[in-house]
Amino acid sequence: MSFSTLLTLVALVLFILAAIGWAFRKTDLIAAGLALWALASLIERLSNLNLSAILLLLAVVAFVAAAIGWRYRKINLIAVGLALWMLSLVVTLVIH
């Protein structure tokens, strides 16, 4: 079992815990699960650092910031992370 697979399984557990309503202090479990899932995807692409990998790294940072409860005005960091993740996928499709 690879490390990225392990991260994906832990993300799945966090999603299930969030779905049943379990909470841990002020941590957003959905954002933490998204951060682990994006990190697992980033680890698979880390062999060549390109624009797509950099955007995915920024998405991981946004998800981690959202998971620990950091806020910046009225900006939803989960939405920012998802937008960066989708942009990294689009960049991969366009460049490839």
N, C-alpha and C. Protein backbone atom coordinates (compact mmCIF):
# COMPACT_ATOMS: atom_id res chain seq x y z
N MET A 1 0.85 -1.17 0.00
CA MET A 1 0.00 0.00 0.00
C MET A 1 0.90 1.24 0.00
N SER A 2 0.67 2.12 -0.95
CA SER A 2 1.50 3.31 -1.07
C SER A 2 1.02 4.39 -0.08
N PHE A 3 1.87 5.39 0.08
CA PHE A 3 1.55 6.48 1.00
C PHE A 3 0.35 7.28 0.51
N SER A 4 0.25 7.48 -0.79
CA SER A 4 -0.89 8.23 -1.32
C SER A 4 -2.20 7.47 -1.12
N THR A 5 -2.16 6.15 -1.21
CA THR A 5 -3.35 5.34 -0.93
C THR A 5 -3.75 5.45 0.53
N LEU A 6 -2.76 5.44 1.42
CA LEU A 6 -3.04 5.59 2.84
C LEU A 6 -3.66 6.95 3.15
N LEU A 7 -3.15 8.01 2.51
CA LEU A 7 -3.73 9.34 2.70
C LEU A 7 -5.17 9.40 2.20
N THR A 8 -5.44 8.74 1.09
CA THR A 8 -6.79 8.71 0.55
C THR A 8 -7.75 7.97 1.49
N LEU A 9 -7.29 6.89 2.10
CA LEU A 9 -8.13 6.15 3.06
C LEU A 9 -8.40 6.98 4.31
N VAL A 10 -7.40 7.69 4.79
CA VAL A 10 -7.61 8.55 5.96
C VAL A 10 -8.58 9.68 5.61
N ALA A 11 -8.48 10.21 4.40
CA ALA A 11 -9.43 11.24 3.96
C ALA A 11 -10.85 10.68 3.92
N LEU A 12 -11.01 9.45 3.46
CA LEU A 12 -12.32 8.81 3.45
C LEU A 12 -12.88 8.68 4.86
N VAL A 13 -12.04 8.29 5.81
CA VAL A 13 -12.48 8.18 7.20
C VAL A 13 -12.92 9.55 7.73
N LEU A 14 -12.18 10.60 7.40
CA LEU A 14 -12.56 11.94 7.84
C LEU A 14 -13.89 12.37 7.23
N PHE A 15 -14.12 12.04 5.97
CA PHE A 15 -15.39 12.37 5.33
C PHE A 15 -16.54 11.63 6.01
N ILE A 16 -16.33 10.38 6.35
CA ILE A 16 -17.38 9.60 7.02
C ILE A 16 -17.67 10.17 8.41
N LEU A 17 -16.61 10.52 9.15
CA LEU A 17 -16.80 11.12 10.47
C LEU A 17 -17.54 12.45 10.38
N ALA A 18 -17.22 13.25 9.37
CA ALA A 18 -17.93 14.52 9.19
C ALA A 18 -19.38 14.27 8.81
N ALA A 19 -19.64 13.23 8.03
CA ALA A 19 -21.00 12.94 7.59
C ALA A 19 -21.89 12.50 8.75
N ILE A 20 -21.32 11.80 9.73
CA ILE A 20 -22.14 11.37 10.87
C ILE A 20 -22.22 12.42 11.97
N GLY A 21 -21.54 13.55 11.75
CA GLY A 21 -21.67 14.66 12.69
C GLY A 21 -20.61 14.73 13.76
N TRP A 22 -19.60 13.91 13.67
CA TRP A 22 -18.54 13.95 14.67
C TRP A 22 -17.68 15.18 14.46
N ALA A 23 -17.24 15.80 15.53
CA ALA A 23 -16.41 17.01 15.43
C ALA A 23 -15.22 16.88 16.38
N PHE A 24 -14.14 17.52 16.02
CA PHE A 24 -12.95 17.55 16.85
C PHE A 24 -12.53 18.99 17.04
N ARG A 25 -12.79 19.51 18.23
CA ARG A 25 -12.51 20.91 18.56
C ARG A 25 -13.04 21.83 17.48
N LYS A 26 -12.19 22.69 16.92
CA LYS A 26 -12.66 23.62 15.88
C LYS A 26 -12.17 23.20 14.50
N THR A 27 -11.72 21.97 14.37
CA THR A 27 -11.21 21.48 13.10
C THR A 27 -12.36 21.15 12.15
N ASP A 28 -12.25 21.63 10.94
CA ASP A 28 -13.23 21.31 9.90
C ASP A 28 -12.79 20.00 9.24
N LEU A 29 -13.51 18.92 9.53
CA LEU A 29 -13.10 17.61 9.04
C LEU A 29 -13.23 17.48 7.53
N ILE A 30 -14.17 18.19 6.94
CA ILE A 30 -14.29 18.14 5.48
C ILE A 30 -13.07 18.77 4.83
N ALA A 31 -12.65 19.91 5.35
CA ALA A 31 -11.46 20.57 4.81
C ALA A 31 -10.21 19.73 5.04
N ALA A 32 -10.13 19.07 6.20
CA ALA A 32 -8.98 18.20 6.46
C ALA A 32 -8.97 17.01 5.51
N GLY A 33 -10.13 16.43 5.24
CA GLY A 33 -10.22 15.34 4.28
C GLY A 33 -9.85 15.77 2.88
N LEU A 34 -10.30 16.96 2.49
CA LEU A 34 -9.94 17.48 1.17
C LEU A 34 -8.44 17.75 1.08
N ALA A 35 -7.85 18.24 2.17
CA ALA A 35 -6.41 18.49 2.18
C ALA A 35 -5.63 17.19 2.00
N LEU A 36 -6.05 16.13 2.69
CA LEU A 36 -5.36 14.85 2.56
C LEU A 36 -5.55 14.25 1.17
N TRP A 37 -6.75 14.39 0.63
CA TRP A 37 -7.03 13.86 -0.71
C TRP A 37 -6.21 14.60 -1.76
N ALA A 38 -6.14 15.93 -1.65
CA ALA A 38 -5.35 16.71 -2.59
C ALA A 38 -3.85 16.42 -2.42
N LEU A 39 -3.42 16.21 -1.17
CA LEU A 39 -2.02 15.87 -0.93
C LEU A 39 -1.67 14.52 -1.53
N ALA A 40 -2.59 13.57 -1.45
CA ALA A 40 -2.36 12.27 -2.07
C ALA A 40 -2.23 12.40 -3.58
N SER A 41 -3.04 13.25 -4.16
CA SER A 41 -2.94 13.50 -5.59
C SER A 41 -1.65 14.24 -5.94
N LEU A 42 -1.24 15.14 -5.07
CA LEU A 42 -0.01 15.90 -5.30
C LEU A 42 1.22 15.01 -5.22
N ILE A 43 1.23 14.06 -4.31
CA ILE A 43 2.37 13.15 -4.16
C ILE A 43 2.59 12.35 -5.44
N GLU A 44 1.50 11.98 -6.09
CA GLU A 44 1.62 11.22 -7.33
C GLU A 44 2.20 12.06 -8.47
N ARG A 45 2.01 13.39 -8.42
CA ARG A 45 2.49 14.28 -9.48
C ARG A 45 3.79 14.98 -9.15
N LEU A 46 4.36 14.72 -7.99
CA LEU A 46 5.48 15.51 -7.51
C LEU A 46 6.79 15.24 -8.25
N SER A 47 6.83 14.21 -9.06
CA SER A 47 8.07 13.89 -9.76
C SER A 47 8.47 14.99 -10.74
N ASN A 48 7.49 15.66 -11.33
CA ASN A 48 7.81 16.81 -12.19
C ASN A 48 7.00 18.01 -11.72
N LEU A 49 7.71 19.04 -11.32
CA LEU A 49 7.07 20.23 -10.80
C LEU A 49 6.68 21.14 -11.97
N ASN A 50 5.38 21.27 -12.19
CA ASN A 50 4.88 22.13 -13.25
C ASN A 50 3.77 23.01 -12.69
N LEU A 51 3.11 23.77 -13.53
CA LEU A 51 2.07 24.69 -13.08
C LEU A 51 0.93 23.95 -12.39
N SER A 52 0.56 22.80 -12.90
CA SER A 52 -0.51 22.02 -12.31
C SER A 52 -0.17 21.59 -10.88
N ALA A 53 1.06 21.15 -10.67
CA ALA A 53 1.48 20.73 -9.32
C ALA A 53 1.54 21.91 -8.36
N ILE A 54 1.94 23.06 -8.85
CA ILE A 54 2.00 24.26 -8.00
C ILE A 54 0.59 24.69 -7.60
N LEU A 55 -0.35 24.65 -8.54
CA LEU A 55 -1.74 24.98 -8.22
C LEU A 55 -2.32 23.99 -7.21
N LEU A 56 -1.99 22.73 -7.36
CA LEU A 56 -2.47 21.72 -6.42
C LEU A 56 -1.85 21.93 -5.03
N LEU A 57 -0.60 22.33 -4.98
CA LEU A 57 0.04 22.65 -3.71
C LEU A 57 -0.65 23.83 -3.03
N LEU A 58 -1.01 24.84 -3.80
CA LEU A 58 -1.74 25.98 -3.25
C LEU A 58 -3.13 25.56 -2.75
N ALA A 59 -3.75 24.60 -3.44
CA ALA A 59 -5.04 24.08 -2.98
C ALA A 59 -4.88 23.37 -1.64
N VAL A 60 -3.81 22.60 -1.49
CA VAL A 60 -3.56 21.92 -0.21
C VAL A 60 -3.40 22.94 0.91
N VAL A 61 -2.66 24.01 0.63
CA VAL A 61 -2.47 25.06 1.64
C VAL A 61 -3.80 25.71 2.01
N ALA A 62 -4.65 25.96 1.02
CA ALA A 62 -5.97 26.55 1.30
C ALA A 62 -6.83 25.60 2.13
N PHE A 63 -6.79 24.30 1.81
CA PHE A 63 -7.57 23.33 2.59
C PHE A 63 -7.07 23.21 4.03
N VAL A 64 -5.76 23.22 4.20
CA VAL A 64 -5.21 23.14 5.56
C VAL A 64 -5.59 24.38 6.36
N ALA A 65 -5.51 25.55 5.73
CA ALA A 65 -5.91 26.78 6.41
C ALA A 65 -7.38 26.74 6.80
N ALA A 66 -8.22 26.21 5.92
CA ALA A 66 -9.65 26.08 6.24
C ALA A 66 -9.87 25.06 7.34
N ALA A 67 -9.08 24.00 7.34
CA ALA A 67 -9.25 22.95 8.35
C ALA A 67 -8.92 23.45 9.75
N ILE A 68 -7.92 24.31 9.87
CA ILE A 68 -7.56 24.79 11.21
C ILE A 68 -8.38 26.00 11.63
N GLY A 69 -9.28 26.45 10.74
CA GLY A 69 -10.20 27.51 11.11
C GLY A 69 -9.73 28.90 10.77
N TRP A 70 -8.69 29.03 9.98
CA TRP A 70 -8.22 30.36 9.60
C TRP A 70 -9.18 30.97 8.61
N ARG A 71 -9.48 32.23 8.78
CA ARG A 71 -10.42 32.91 7.89
C ARG A 71 -9.78 34.19 7.36
N TYR A 72 -10.15 34.54 6.16
CA TYR A 72 -9.72 35.80 5.58
C TYR A 72 -10.95 36.53 5.06
N ARG A 73 -11.35 37.52 5.80
CA ARG A 73 -12.55 38.30 5.50
C ARG A 73 -13.73 37.37 5.24
N LYS A 74 -14.36 37.47 4.11
CA LYS A 74 -15.53 36.61 3.83
C LYS A 74 -15.23 35.56 2.78
N ILE A 75 -13.96 35.27 2.58
CA ILE A 75 -13.56 34.31 1.55
C ILE A 75 -13.66 32.90 2.12
N ASN A 76 -14.33 32.02 1.41
CA ASN A 76 -14.46 30.63 1.81
C ASN A 76 -13.23 29.87 1.28
N LEU A 77 -12.37 29.43 2.18
CA LEU A 77 -11.12 28.80 1.77
C LEU A 77 -11.32 27.41 1.16
N ILE A 78 -12.39 26.74 1.54
CA ILE A 78 -12.68 25.45 0.90
C ILE A 78 -13.00 25.67 -0.57
N ALA A 79 -13.79 26.70 -0.86
CA ALA A 79 -14.11 27.01 -2.26
C ALA A 79 -12.86 27.44 -3.02
N VAL A 80 -11.97 28.18 -2.38
CA VAL A 80 -10.72 28.58 -3.02
C VAL A 80 -9.88 27.35 -3.34
N GLY A 81 -9.79 26.42 -2.38
CA GLY A 81 -9.03 25.20 -2.61
C GLY A 81 -9.61 24.35 -3.73
N LEU A 82 -10.93 24.24 -3.75
CA LEU A 82 -11.57 23.47 -4.83
C LEU A 82 -11.35 24.13 -6.18
N ALA A 83 -11.43 25.46 -6.22
CA ALA A 83 -11.19 26.16 -7.48
C ALA A 83 -9.75 25.96 -7.97
N LEU A 84 -8.80 26.02 -7.05
CA LEU A 84 -7.40 25.78 -7.43
C LEU A 84 -7.19 24.35 -7.91
N TRP A 85 -7.85 23.40 -7.25
CA TRP A 85 -7.72 22.00 -7.65
C TRP A 85 -8.29 21.79 -9.06
N MET A 86 -9.46 22.35 -9.32
CA MET A 86 -10.06 22.22 -10.64
C MET A 86 -9.22 22.94 -11.69
N LEU A 87 -8.65 24.07 -11.33
CA LEU A 87 -7.78 24.79 -12.26
C LEU A 87 -6.54 23.96 -12.59
N SER A 88 -6.01 23.25 -11.60
CA SER A 88 -4.85 22.39 -11.88
C SER A 88 -5.23 21.25 -12.82
N LEU A 89 -6.46 20.75 -12.71
CA LEU A 89 -6.91 19.70 -13.63
C LEU A 89 -7.11 20.25 -15.04
N VAL A 90 -7.66 21.45 -15.13
CA VAL A 90 -7.87 22.08 -16.43
C VAL A 90 -6.53 22.39 -17.10
N VAL A 91 -5.58 22.88 -16.32
CA VAL A 91 -4.25 23.17 -16.86
C VAL A 91 -3.61 21.88 -17.38
N THR A 92 -3.79 20.79 -16.66
CA THR A 92 -3.26 19.50 -17.11
C THR A 92 -3.88 19.09 -18.45
N LEU A 93 -5.18 19.29 -18.60
CA LEU A 93 -5.85 18.93 -19.84
C LEU A 93 -5.44 19.82 -21.00
N VAL A 94 -5.28 21.10 -20.75
CA VAL A 94 -4.95 22.04 -21.80
C VAL A 94 -3.50 21.87 -22.26
N ILE A 95 -2.60 21.72 -21.30
CA ILE A 95 -1.17 21.60 -21.65
C ILE A 95 -0.87 20.25 -22.25
N HIS A 96 -1.52 19.23 -21.81
CA HIS A 96 -1.25 17.88 -22.27
C HIS A 96 -1.78 17.70 -23.63
